[in-house]
C-alpha atoms as a PDB file:
ATOM      1  CA  MET A   1       0.487 -30.773 -10.095  1.00  0.00           C
ATOM      2  CA  LYS A   2       1.859 -27.153  -9.742  1.00  0.00           C
ATOM      3  CA  LYS A   3      -1.912 -25.988 -10.739  1.00  0.00           C
ATOM      4  CA  PHE A   4      -3.429 -28.385  -8.145  1.00  0.00           C
ATOM      5  CA  PHE A   5      -1.362 -26.938  -5.264  1.00  0.00           C
ATOM      6  CA  LYS A   6      -1.961 -23.296  -6.494  1.00  0.00           C
ATOM      7  CA  GLY A   7      -5.553 -23.760  -6.534  1.00  0.00           C
ATOM      8  CA  ILE A   8      -5.563 -25.401  -2.845  1.00  0.00           C
ATOM      9  CA  VAL A   9      -3.608 -22.585  -1.870  1.00  0.00           C
ATOM     10  CA  SER A  10      -5.999 -19.600  -3.570  1.00  0.00           C
ATOM     11  CA  ALA A  11      -8.973 -21.458  -2.039  1.00  0.00           C
ATOM     12  CA  CYS A  12      -7.913 -21.567   1.498  1.00  0.00           C
ATOM     13  CA  MET A  13      -7.086 -17.687   1.008  1.00  0.00           C
ATOM     14  CA  VAL A  14     -10.217 -16.577  -0.481  1.00  0.00           C
ATOM     15  CA  ALA A  15     -12.097 -18.733   2.264  1.00  0.00           C
ATOM     16  CA  ALA A  16     -10.013 -16.883   4.964  1.00  0.00           C
ATOM     17  CA  CYS A  17     -10.746 -13.319   3.351  1.00  0.00           C
ATOM     18  CA  ALA A  18     -14.199 -14.106   3.133  1.00  0.00           C
ATOM     19  CA  LEU A  19     -14.804 -14.419   6.697  1.00  0.00           C
ATOM     20  CA  LEU A  20     -12.976 -11.186   6.948  1.00  0.00           C
ATOM     21  CA  VAL A  21     -15.351  -9.497   4.481  1.00  0.00           C
ATOM     22  CA  THR A  22     -18.274 -11.101   6.158  1.00  0.00           C
ATOM     23  CA  ALA A  23     -17.219  -9.585   9.279  1.00  0.00           C
ATOM     24  CA  CYS A  24     -16.135  -5.976   8.301  1.00  0.00           C
ATOM     25  CA  GLY A  25     -17.595  -5.569   4.485  1.00  0.00           C
ATOM     26  CA  GLY A  26     -16.159  -4.792   1.479  1.00  0.00           C
ATOM     27  CA  PRO A  27     -14.322  -6.708  -1.269  1.00  0.00           C
ATOM     28  CA  THR A  28     -11.890  -9.415  -0.576  1.00  0.00           C
ATOM     29  CA  THR A  29      -8.312  -8.506  -1.136  1.00  0.00           C
ATOM     30  CA  LEU A  30      -6.479 -11.255  -3.514  1.00  0.00           C
ATOM     31  CA  TYR A  31      -3.395  -9.484  -4.064  1.00  0.00           C
ATOM     32  CA  GLU A  32      -1.742  -6.250  -3.342  1.00  0.00           C
ATOM     33  CA  ALA A  33       1.444  -4.516  -4.188  1.00  0.00           C
ATOM     34  CA  LYS A  34       2.751  -1.455  -2.496  1.00  0.00           C
ATOM     35  CA  PHE A  35       6.199   0.071  -3.064  1.00  0.00           C
ATOM     36  CA  ALA A  36       7.463   1.108   0.425  1.00  0.00           C
ATOM     37  CA  ASN A  37      10.469  -0.815  -0.527  1.00  0.00           C
ATOM     38  CA  GLY A  38      10.803  -0.090  -3.904  1.00  0.00           C
ATOM     39  CA  ASN A  39       9.686  -2.220  -6.792  1.00  0.00           C
ATOM     40  CA  ASP A  40      10.527  -5.621  -5.401  1.00  0.00           C
ATOM     41  CA  GLY A  41      10.286  -7.284  -8.534  1.00  0.00           C
ATOM     42  CA  VAL A  42       6.542  -6.273  -9.204  1.00  0.00           C
ATOM     43  CA  PHE A  43       6.902  -4.145 -12.551  1.00  0.00           C
ATOM     44  CA  GLY A  44       9.812  -5.214 -14.795  1.00  0.00           C
ATOM     45  CA  LEU A  45      10.716  -6.560 -18.572  1.00  0.00           C
ATOM     46  CA  TYR A  46      10.561  -3.279 -20.587  1.00  0.00           C
ATOM     47  CA  GLY A  47      11.865   0.384 -19.529  1.00  0.00           C
ATOM     48  CA  THR A  48      13.229   1.474 -16.278  1.00  0.00           C
ATOM     49  CA  VAL A  49      11.777   1.248 -12.889  1.00  0.00           C
ATOM     50  CA  VAL A  50      12.882   4.168 -10.258  1.00  0.00           C
ATOM     51  CA  ASP A  51      12.162   3.806  -6.690  1.00  0.00           C
ATOM     52  CA  ASN A  52      11.023   7.207  -5.533  1.00  0.00           C
ATOM     53  CA  GLN A  53      11.738   6.719  -1.674  1.00  0.00           C
ATOM     54  CA  ASP A  54       8.343   7.802  -0.793  1.00  0.00           C
ATOM     55  CA  GLY A  55       6.229   4.416  -1.282  1.00  0.00           C
ATOM     56  CA  THR A  56       5.810   5.236  -5.177  1.00  0.00           C
ATOM     57  CA  ILE A  57       7.970   4.154  -8.277  1.00  0.00           C
ATOM     58  CA  THR A  58       8.291   5.906 -11.536  1.00  0.00           C
ATOM     59  CA  LEU A  59       7.973   3.848 -14.708  1.00  0.00           C
ATOM     60  CA  GLN A  60      10.157   4.947 -17.615  1.00  0.00           C
ATOM     61  CA  ASN A  61       9.698   3.743 -21.239  1.00  0.00           C
ATOM     62  CA  ASP A  62      12.568   1.811 -23.373  1.00  0.00           C
ATOM     63  CA  GLY A  63      13.238   4.877 -25.592  1.00  0.00           C
ATOM     64  CA  ASN A  64      11.848   3.572 -28.530  1.00  0.00           C
ATOM     65  CA  ALA A  65      10.729   6.455 -30.698  1.00  0.00           C
ATOM     66  CA  THR A  66       8.079   4.856 -32.639  1.00  0.00           C
ATOM     67  CA  TYR A  67       6.423   2.592 -30.154  1.00  0.00           C
ATOM     68  CA  PRO A  68       7.717   3.390 -26.806  1.00  0.00           C
ATOM     69  CA  THR A  69       6.956   0.799 -24.095  1.00  0.00           C
ATOM     70  CA  SER A  70       7.484   0.603 -20.439  1.00  0.00           C
ATOM     71  CA  ALA A  71       6.919  -2.030 -17.616  1.00  0.00           C
ATOM     72  CA  SER A  72       4.670  -4.776 -16.952  1.00  0.00           C
ATOM     73  CA  THR A  73       3.566  -7.244 -14.200  1.00  0.00           C
ATOM     74  CA  TYR A  74       2.507 -10.845 -13.946  1.00  0.00           C
ATOM     75  CA  PHE A  75       1.249 -10.160 -10.500  1.00  0.00           C
ATOM     76  CA  GLY A  76       3.790 -12.633  -8.845  1.00  0.00           C
ATOM     77  CA  GLU A  77       2.982 -15.470 -11.577  1.00  0.00           C
ATOM     78  CA  ALA A  78       6.097 -17.270 -13.133  1.00  0.00           C
ATOM     79  CA  ASP A  79       3.490 -18.842 -15.120  1.00  0.00           C
ATOM     80  CA  LYS A  80       2.160 -15.682 -16.609  1.00  0.00           C
ATOM     81  CA  ASN A  81      -1.547 -16.194 -15.283  1.00  0.00           C
ATOM     82  CA  TYR A  82      -3.294 -15.152 -12.390  1.00  0.00           C
ATOM     83  CA  ASP A  83      -6.212 -17.503 -11.841  1.00  0.00           C
ATOM     84  CA  TRP A  84      -9.520 -16.152 -12.962  1.00  0.00           C
ATOM     85  CA  GLU A  85     -12.191 -16.016  -9.942  1.00  0.00           C
ATOM     86  CA  LYS A  86     -15.681 -17.285 -10.763  1.00  0.00           C
ATOM     87  CA  GLY A  87     -17.805 -14.524 -11.472  1.00  0.00           C
ATOM     88  CA  GLY A  88     -15.352 -12.262 -11.999  1.00  0.00           C
ATOM     89  CA  LEU A  89     -12.675  -9.896 -10.164  1.00  0.00           C
ATOM     90  CA  THR A  90     -11.428  -6.282 -10.167  1.00  0.00           C
ATOM     91  CA  VAL A  91      -7.796  -5.034 -10.940  1.00  0.00           C
ATOM     92  CA  SER A  92      -7.114  -1.807  -9.393  1.00  0.00           C
ATOM     93  CA  LEU A  93      -4.198   0.595 -10.262  1.00  0.00           C
ATOM     94  CA  LYS A  94      -3.319   3.948  -8.536  1.00  0.00           C
ATOM     95  CA  VAL A  95      -1.303   6.366 -10.224  1.00  0.00           C
ATOM     96  CA  LYS A  96      -0.310   9.916 -10.473  1.00  0.00           C
ATOM     97  CA  VAL A  97      -1.715  12.550 -12.921  1.00  0.00           C
ATOM     98  CA  ASP A  98       0.507  15.506 -13.275  1.00  0.00           C
ATOM     99  CA  LYS A  99      -0.240  17.852 -16.422  1.00  0.00           C
ATOM    100  CA  THR A 100       3.126  19.611 -16.351  1.00  0.00           C
ATOM    101  CA  GLN A 101       4.479  16.123 -17.263  1.00  0.00           C
ATOM    102  CA  MET A 102       1.922  14.934 -19.177  1.00  0.00           C
ATOM    103  CA  GLY A 103       1.050  17.891 -21.906  1.00  0.00           C
ATOM    104  CA  ALA A 104      -0.147  17.843 -25.319  1.00  0.00           C
ATOM    105  CA  GLY A 105       0.936  15.272 -27.224  1.00  0.00           C
ATOM    106  CA  LYS A 106       2.049  12.756 -24.314  1.00  0.00           C
ATOM    107  CA  PHE A 107       0.384   9.410 -23.495  1.00  0.00           C
ATOM    108  CA  ALA A 108       0.365   6.767 -21.146  1.00  0.00           C
ATOM    109  CA  VAL A 109      -1.636   3.611 -22.226  1.00  0.00           C
ATOM    110  CA  TRP A 110      -2.314   0.650 -20.059  1.00  0.00           C
ATOM    111  CA  SER A 111      -3.298  -2.571 -21.254  1.00  0.00           C
ATOM    112  CA  LEU A 112      -4.732  -5.569 -19.209  1.00  0.00           C
ATOM    113  CA  ALA A 113      -4.575  -8.686 -20.859  1.00  0.00           C
ATOM    114  CA  LEU A 114      -6.494 -12.392 -20.521  1.00  0.00           C
ATOM    115  CA  ASN A 115      -5.391 -15.570 -20.673  1.00  0.00           C
ATOM    116  CA  GLU A 116      -7.543 -18.278 -22.480  1.00  0.00           C
ATOM    117  CA  LYS A 117      -8.329 -21.733 -20.678  1.00  0.00           C
ATOM    118  CA  GLU A 118      -6.346 -24.741 -22.199  1.00  0.00           C
ATOM    119  CA  ASP A 119      -4.976 -28.085 -20.995  1.00  0.00           C
ATOM    120  CA  ASP A 120      -1.410 -27.586 -20.942  1.00  0.00           C
ATOM    121  CA  ASN A 121      -0.396 -23.918 -22.175  1.00  0.00           C
ATOM    122  CA  VAL A 122      -1.200 -20.304 -21.225  1.00  0.00           C
ATOM    123  CA  ASN A 123      -1.923 -18.256 -23.884  1.00  0.00           C
ATOM    124  CA  TYR A 124      -2.937 -14.976 -24.570  1.00  0.00           C
ATOM    125  CA  LEU A 125      -6.993 -14.101 -25.285  1.00  0.00           C
ATOM    126  CA  THR A 126      -7.459 -10.637 -25.398  1.00  0.00           C
ATOM    127  CA  GLU A 127      -6.578  -7.329 -23.886  1.00  0.00           C
ATOM    128  CA  LEU A 128      -8.453  -4.163 -22.547  1.00  0.00           C
ATOM    129  CA  PRO A 129      -6.627  -0.622 -22.670  1.00  0.00           C
ATOM    130  CA  ALA A 130      -7.200   2.395 -20.741  1.00  0.00           C
ATOM    131  CA  TYR A 131      -5.869   5.589 -22.077  1.00  0.00           C
ATOM    132  CA  PHE A 132      -4.048   8.895 -20.228  1.00  0.00           C
ATOM    133  CA  VAL A 133      -3.743  11.480 -23.046  1.00  0.00           C
ATOM    134  CA  GLY A 134      -2.245  15.070 -22.774  1.00  0.00           C
ATOM    135  CA  THR A 135      -4.110  17.579 -24.480  1.00  0.00           C
ATOM    136  CA  GLU A 136      -4.022  21.547 -24.726  1.00  0.00           C
ATOM    137  CA  ALA A 137      -6.983  21.330 -22.060  1.00  0.00           C
ATOM    138  CA  GLY A 138      -5.086  19.083 -19.579  1.00  0.00           C
ATOM    139  CA  VAL A 139      -5.123  15.003 -19.235  1.00  0.00           C
ATOM    140  CA  LYS A 140      -7.891  13.422 -20.191  1.00  0.00           C
ATOM    141  CA  PHE A 141      -8.751   9.825 -19.654  1.00  0.00           C
ATOM    142  CA  VAL A 142     -11.191   7.211 -21.464  1.00  0.00           C
ATOM    143  CA  HIS A 143     -11.389   3.533 -22.101  1.00  0.00           C
ATOM    144  CA  LYS A 144     -12.190   1.946 -25.143  1.00  0.00           C
ATOM    145  CA  PHE A 145     -12.187  -1.765 -26.340  1.00  0.00           C
ATOM    146  CA  THR A 146      -9.552  -0.823 -29.344  1.00  0.00           C
ATOM    147  CA  GLY A 147      -5.973  -1.361 -30.341  1.00  0.00           C
ATOM    148  CA  VAL A 148      -3.168   0.244 -27.876  1.00  0.00           C
ATOM    149  CA  ASP A 149      -1.702   1.985 -31.320  1.00  0.00           C
ATOM    150  CA  THR A 150      -4.797   3.919 -32.305  1.00  0.00           C
ATOM    151  CA  ASP A 151      -5.536   7.856 -32.819  1.00  0.00           C
ATOM    152  CA  TYR A 152      -5.294   9.272 -29.090  1.00  0.00           C
ATOM    153  CA  ASP A 153      -6.539  12.571 -29.805  1.00  0.00           C
ATOM    154  CA  ALA A 154      -9.360  11.259 -31.394  1.00  0.00           C
ATOM    155  CA  LEU A 155     -10.182   9.169 -28.642  1.00  0.00           C
ATOM    156  CA  VAL A 156     -10.228  11.606 -25.837  1.00  0.00           C
ATOM    157  CA  ALA A 157     -11.908  14.051 -28.106  1.00  0.00           C
ATOM    158  CA  GLN A 158     -14.981  11.849 -27.623  1.00  0.00           C
ATOM    159  CA  GLU A 159     -17.654  12.705 -25.535  1.00  0.00           C
ATOM    160  CA  ASP A 160     -17.253  10.269 -22.790  1.00  0.00           C
ATOM    161  CA  ALA A 161     -13.786  11.297 -21.982  1.00  0.00           C
ATOM    162  CA  VAL A 162     -12.811  12.995 -18.853  1.00  0.00           C
ATOM    163  CA  LEU A 163     -10.602  15.955 -18.196  1.00  0.00           C
ATOM    164  CA  LEU A 164      -8.627  15.260 -14.826  1.00  0.00           C
ATOM    165  CA  ASP A 165      -7.080  17.698 -12.114  1.00  0.00           C
ATOM    166  CA  ASP A 166      -3.554  16.762 -10.929  1.00  0.00           C
ATOM    167  CA  GLY A 167      -3.380  14.086  -8.321  1.00  0.00           C
ATOM    168  CA  TYR A 168      -3.769  10.605  -7.808  1.00  0.00           C
ATOM    169  CA  TYR A 169      -6.344   8.223  -9.518  1.00  0.00           C
ATOM    170  CA  THR A 170      -7.322   4.643  -9.269  1.00  0.00           C
ATOM    171  CA  VAL A 171      -8.135   2.691 -12.561  1.00  0.00           C
ATOM    172  CA  ASN A 172     -10.601   0.115 -11.745  1.00  0.00           C
ATOM    173  CA  TRP A 173     -10.965  -3.010 -14.445  1.00  0.00           C
ATOM    174  CA  GLN A 174     -14.037  -4.400 -12.825  1.00  0.00           C
ATOM    175  CA  PHE A 175     -15.049  -7.945 -14.298  1.00  0.00           C
ATOM    176  CA  ASP A 176     -18.431  -9.754 -14.143  1.00  0.00           C
ATOM    177  CA  VAL A 177     -20.201 -12.358 -15.658  1.00  0.00           C
ATOM    178  CA  ASN A 178     -23.753 -11.934 -17.172  1.00  0.00           C
ATOM    179  CA  ALA A 179     -26.800 -14.483 -17.475  1.00  0.00           C
ATOM    180  CA  ASP A 180     -25.342 -15.632 -20.860  1.00  0.00           C
ATOM    181  CA  ASP A 181     -21.872 -16.450 -19.114  1.00  0.00           C
ATOM    182  CA  GLU A 182     -20.481 -13.577 -21.142  1.00  0.00           C
ATOM    183  CA  VAL A 183     -17.648 -11.616 -19.386  1.00  0.00           C
ATOM    184  CA  THR A 184     -18.596  -7.953 -19.051  1.00  0.00           C
ATOM    185  CA  LEU A 185     -15.996  -4.951 -18.053  1.00  0.00           C
ATOM    186  CA  VAL A 186     -16.532  -1.579 -16.416  1.00  0.00           C
ATOM    187  CA  VAL A 187     -13.694   0.488 -16.516  1.00  0.00           C
ATOM    188  CA  SER A 188     -13.745   3.315 -13.938  1.00  0.00           C
ATOM    189  CA  LEU A 189     -11.826   5.826 -12.449  1.00  0.00           C
ATOM    190  CA  ASP A 190     -11.780   7.162  -9.000  1.00  0.00           C
ATOM    191  CA  ASN A 191      -9.812  10.508  -7.613  1.00  0.00           C
ATOM    192  CA  ASN A 192      -7.774  10.298  -4.357  1.00  0.00           C
ATOM    193  CA  ALA A 193     -10.898  10.874  -2.285  1.00  0.00           C
ATOM    194  CA  GLY A 194     -12.628   7.783  -3.789  1.00  0.00           C
ATOM    195  CA  GLN A 195     -15.020   9.599  -5.752  1.00  0.00           C
ATOM    196  CA  GLU A 196     -16.090   8.079  -9.339  1.00  0.00           C
ATOM    197  CA  VAL A 197     -15.054  10.457 -11.919  1.00  0.00           C
ATOM    198  CA  TYR A 198     -15.270   8.312 -14.978  1.00  0.00           C
ATOM    199  CA  ALA A 199     -17.221   4.775 -15.789  1.00  0.00           C
ATOM    200  CA  SER A 200     -17.565   3.141 -19.053  1.00  0.00           C
ATOM    201  CA  GLN A 201     -20.566   1.600 -20.046  1.00  0.00           C
ATOM    202  CA  GLU A 202     -20.781  -2.268 -19.062  1.00  0.00           C
ATOM    203  CA  ASN A 203     -19.959  -3.887 -22.034  1.00  0.00           C
ATOM    204  CA  THR A 204     -18.979  -7.592 -23.430  1.00  0.00           C
ATOM    205  CA  PHE A 205     -15.568  -7.629 -25.353  1.00  0.00           C
ATOM    206  CA  ASN A 206     -14.059  -9.958 -28.104  1.00  0.00           C
ATOM    207  CA  VAL A 207     -11.236 -12.299 -28.302  1.00  0.00           C
ATOM    208  CA  ILE A 208      -8.190 -10.818 -30.028  1.00  0.00           C
ATOM    209  CA  ASP A 209      -6.091 -13.674 -30.596  1.00  0.00           C
ATOM    210  CA  SER A 210      -6.527 -17.316 -30.176  1.00  0.00           C
ATOM    211  CA  SER A 211      -6.340 -20.810 -31.991  1.00  0.00           C
ATOM    212  CA  THR A 212      -9.692 -22.189 -30.526  1.00  0.00           C
ATOM    213  CA  ASN A 213     -11.950 -19.173 -29.679  1.00  0.00           C
ATOM    214  CA  THR A 214     -13.618 -16.436 -31.634  1.00  0.00           C
ATOM    215  CA  GLY A 215     -16.204 -13.840 -30.838  1.00  0.00           C
ATOM    216  CA  VAL A 216     -17.468 -12.356 -27.479  1.00  0.00           C
ATOM    217  CA  VAL A 217     -15.362 -13.548 -24.409  1.00  0.00           C
ATOM    218  CA  THR A 218     -17.371 -15.861 -22.175  1.00  0.00           C
ATOM    219  CA  GLU A 219     -16.228 -17.223 -18.874  1.00  0.00           C
ATOM    220  CA  GLU A 220     -15.482 -20.709 -19.999  1.00  0.00           C
ATOM    221  CA  MET A 221     -12.754 -19.462 -22.135  1.00  0.00           C
ATOM    222  CA  VAL A 222     -10.878 -17.310 -19.450  1.00  0.00           C
ATOM    223  CA  GLU A 223      -8.025 -19.249 -17.722  1.00  0.00           C
ATOM    224  CA  GLY A 224      -6.929 -15.706 -15.785  1.00  0.00           C
ATOM    225  CA  ILE A 225      -5.050 -12.466 -16.015  1.00  0.00           C
ATOM    226  CA  ARG A 226      -1.940 -12.268 -18.250  1.00  0.00           C
ATOM    227  CA  TYR A 227      -0.431  -8.998 -17.446  1.00  0.00           C
ATOM    228  CA  LEU A 228      -0.872  -5.302 -16.542  1.00  0.00           C
ATOM    229  CA  TRP A 229       1.373  -3.634 -19.005  1.00  0.00           C
ATOM    230  CA  LEU A 230       2.235   0.174 -19.725  1.00  0.00           C
ATOM    231  CA  VAL A 231       2.232  -0.813 -23.297  1.00  0.00           C
ATOM    232  CA  ARG A 232       2.875   2.730 -24.695  1.00  0.00           C
ATOM    233  CA  ALA A 233       4.147   5.798 -22.874  1.00  0.00           C
ATOM    234  CA  ASN A 234       6.049   8.675 -24.016  1.00  0.00           C
ATOM    235  CA  ALA A 235       5.875   9.983 -20.364  1.00  0.00           C
ATOM    236  CA  ASP A 236       7.055   8.777 -16.971  1.00  0.00           C
ATOM    237  CA  VAL A 237       4.419   7.299 -14.828  1.00  0.00           C
ATOM    238  CA  VAL A 238       4.265   7.440 -11.060  1.00  0.00           C
ATOM    239  CA  VAL A 239       2.556   4.403  -9.670  1.00  0.00           C
ATOM    240  CA  ASP A 240       1.452   4.213  -5.909  1.00  0.00           C
ATOM    241  CA  SER A 241      -0.207   0.780  -5.571  1.00  0.00           C
ATOM    242  CA  LEU A 242      -1.781  -2.213  -7.292  1.00  0.00           C
ATOM    243  CA  LYS A 243      -4.529  -4.729  -6.199  1.00  0.00           C
ATOM    244  CA  ILE A 244      -6.843  -7.236  -7.202  1.00  0.00           C
ATOM    245  CA  THR A 245     -10.254  -7.817  -5.244  1.00  0.00           C
ATOM    246  CA  LYS A 246     -13.084  -9.915  -5.432  1.00  0.00           C
END
């Protein structure tokens, strides 16, 4: 019954937003979190969230020396599932890059996870990490479909990693569905002027953990977004905003 009413409300919201998009152009905003009044329950569970009193928050880790982790969000969903939109959607996260705070040896790894579609339970299916890594040259960014506990220096030494100036950047996880019903992903990074400075190659990705599914993730497998988690971080991260668009 909960899912029924949730679906009705979501459909009405999408329909209303679609009218606005038709009139004005641009993507439909399905979910948005800003921090003018502090965190207000958006991020939590691990580490500490600090209200910067300027419309941003700072996520601090939990102090674990081996696997330092920080806050996560379920996008306001008590059942840990933000419903999937047919054909795909985009999750956008705006964060601050400051090389004085993220020197060589520092890192901030974000993981966006998906749930698999099942009748009664919401279960983890796969995750898609994005890496900010401090180097001697400055802060670098890259996306790879690999584990969150990997060799970060080796990742950002690859040719497609991008070196960043200080400032605010928006990470976009853009999901689409191809003709074979496979869910594809492009992870891009925009600077504060809205210019794209990085884009991964469009690609499919695999199931990581499931009792019923294996191989490439198809749309029929996906129930929705599980979480966005600052899953590994040994530096503080300033967050400006978070949204989901269609």
